[in-house]
Amino acid sequence: MAYKQNSPFKNLNRWFKEEWKTPGGKEDYSEGENTFRPTKKVSKETPKTWSEVTPESKRKAQKEKNTKGRVTKY
């Protein structure tokens, strides 16, 4: 049986495959949107995509990001 070494970049590679974007579909902060979610489900560890998050959760997260600078899990 061959030895398989775990890659230290496994999670980072998954992050790039998920294609994180703003609600408007931007990949940067140019439009003033500052909350990002993945657009693709890659594995069971992938957080909810924008289509899986409720509108109420989106509003709450945006408000929290604007006031605290961070968003707790939503």
Protein backbone atom coordinates (compact mmCIF):
# COMPACT_ATOMS: atom_id res chain seq x y z
CA MET A 1 0.00 0.00 0.00
CA ALA A 2 1.38 3.39 -0.98
CA TYR A 3 1.90 6.16 1.54
CA LYS A 4 -0.40 9.13 1.02
CA GLN A 5 0.75 12.45 2.40
CA ASN A 6 -1.90 15.00 3.31
CA SER A 7 -1.51 18.27 1.45
CA PRO A 8 -1.19 21.40 3.61
CA PHE A 9 -3.10 23.27 0.88
CA LYS A 10 -6.16 21.01 0.83
CA ASN A 11 -8.51 23.54 2.46
CA LEU A 12 -7.14 26.44 0.43
CA ASN A 13 -7.66 24.50 -2.81
CA ARG A 14 -11.24 23.75 -1.75
CA TRP A 15 -11.78 27.47 -1.03
CA PHE A 16 -10.74 28.41 -4.58
CA LYS A 17 -13.00 25.74 -6.10
CA GLU A 18 -15.99 27.13 -4.16
CA GLU A 19 -15.71 30.51 -5.95
CA TRP A 20 -16.63 32.93 -3.15
CA LYS A 21 -18.62 36.00 -4.26
CA THR A 22 -20.81 38.81 -2.93
CA PRO A 23 -24.63 38.70 -3.22
CA GLY A 24 -24.28 40.75 -6.41
CA GLY A 25 -21.86 38.25 -7.94
CA LYS A 26 -18.72 40.38 -7.54
CA GLU A 27 -15.38 38.90 -6.50
CA ASP A 28 -14.09 42.10 -4.90
CA TYR A 29 -15.17 45.00 -2.68
CA SER A 30 -15.70 47.46 -5.57
CA GLU A 31 -19.48 47.83 -5.14
CA GLY A 32 -19.38 48.31 -1.38
CA GLU A 33 -20.68 44.80 -0.68
CA ASN A 34 -18.58 43.14 1.96
CA THR A 35 -20.18 39.77 2.74
CA PHE A 36 -19.02 36.78 0.73
CA ARG A 37 -20.44 33.26 0.33
CA PRO A 38 -19.41 30.30 -1.85
CA THR A 39 -21.22 29.84 -5.16
CA LYS A 40 -20.48 26.11 -5.52
CA LYS A 41 -20.78 23.16 -3.15
CA VAL A 42 -17.50 21.25 -3.31
CA SER A 43 -17.72 19.09 -0.19
CA LYS A 44 -19.74 18.63 2.98
CA GLU A 45 -17.48 21.22 4.67
CA THR A 46 -18.62 23.94 2.24
CA PRO A 47 -20.74 26.58 4.03
CA LYS A 48 -24.20 27.50 2.76
CA THR A 49 -24.30 29.11 -0.67
CA TRP A 50 -26.18 32.37 -1.30
CA SER A 51 -29.21 30.47 -2.58
CA GLU A 52 -29.40 28.46 0.67
CA VAL A 53 -29.28 31.51 2.97
CA THR A 54 -32.59 33.19 3.82
CA PRO A 55 -33.13 36.87 2.95
CA GLU A 56 -33.52 37.66 6.66
CA SER A 57 -30.14 36.06 7.40
CA LYS A 58 -28.56 38.08 4.59
CA ARG A 59 -29.88 41.36 6.02
CA LYS A 60 -28.80 40.44 9.52
CA ALA A 61 -25.31 39.48 8.35
CA GLN A 62 -24.87 42.71 6.36
CA LYS A 63 -25.95 44.79 9.35
CA GLU A 64 -23.58 42.90 11.65
CA LYS A 65 -20.70 43.26 9.19
CA ASN A 66 -21.29 47.02 8.92
CA THR A 67 -21.43 47.55 12.69
CA LYS A 68 -18.92 45.03 14.08
CA GLY A 69 -16.70 44.39 11.08
CA ARG A 70 -17.25 40.63 11.37
CA VAL A 71 -20.09 38.20 10.80
CA THR A 72 -20.79 35.26 13.07
CA LYS A 73 -21.90 32.01 11.51
CA TYR A 74 -25.13 32.37 9.52
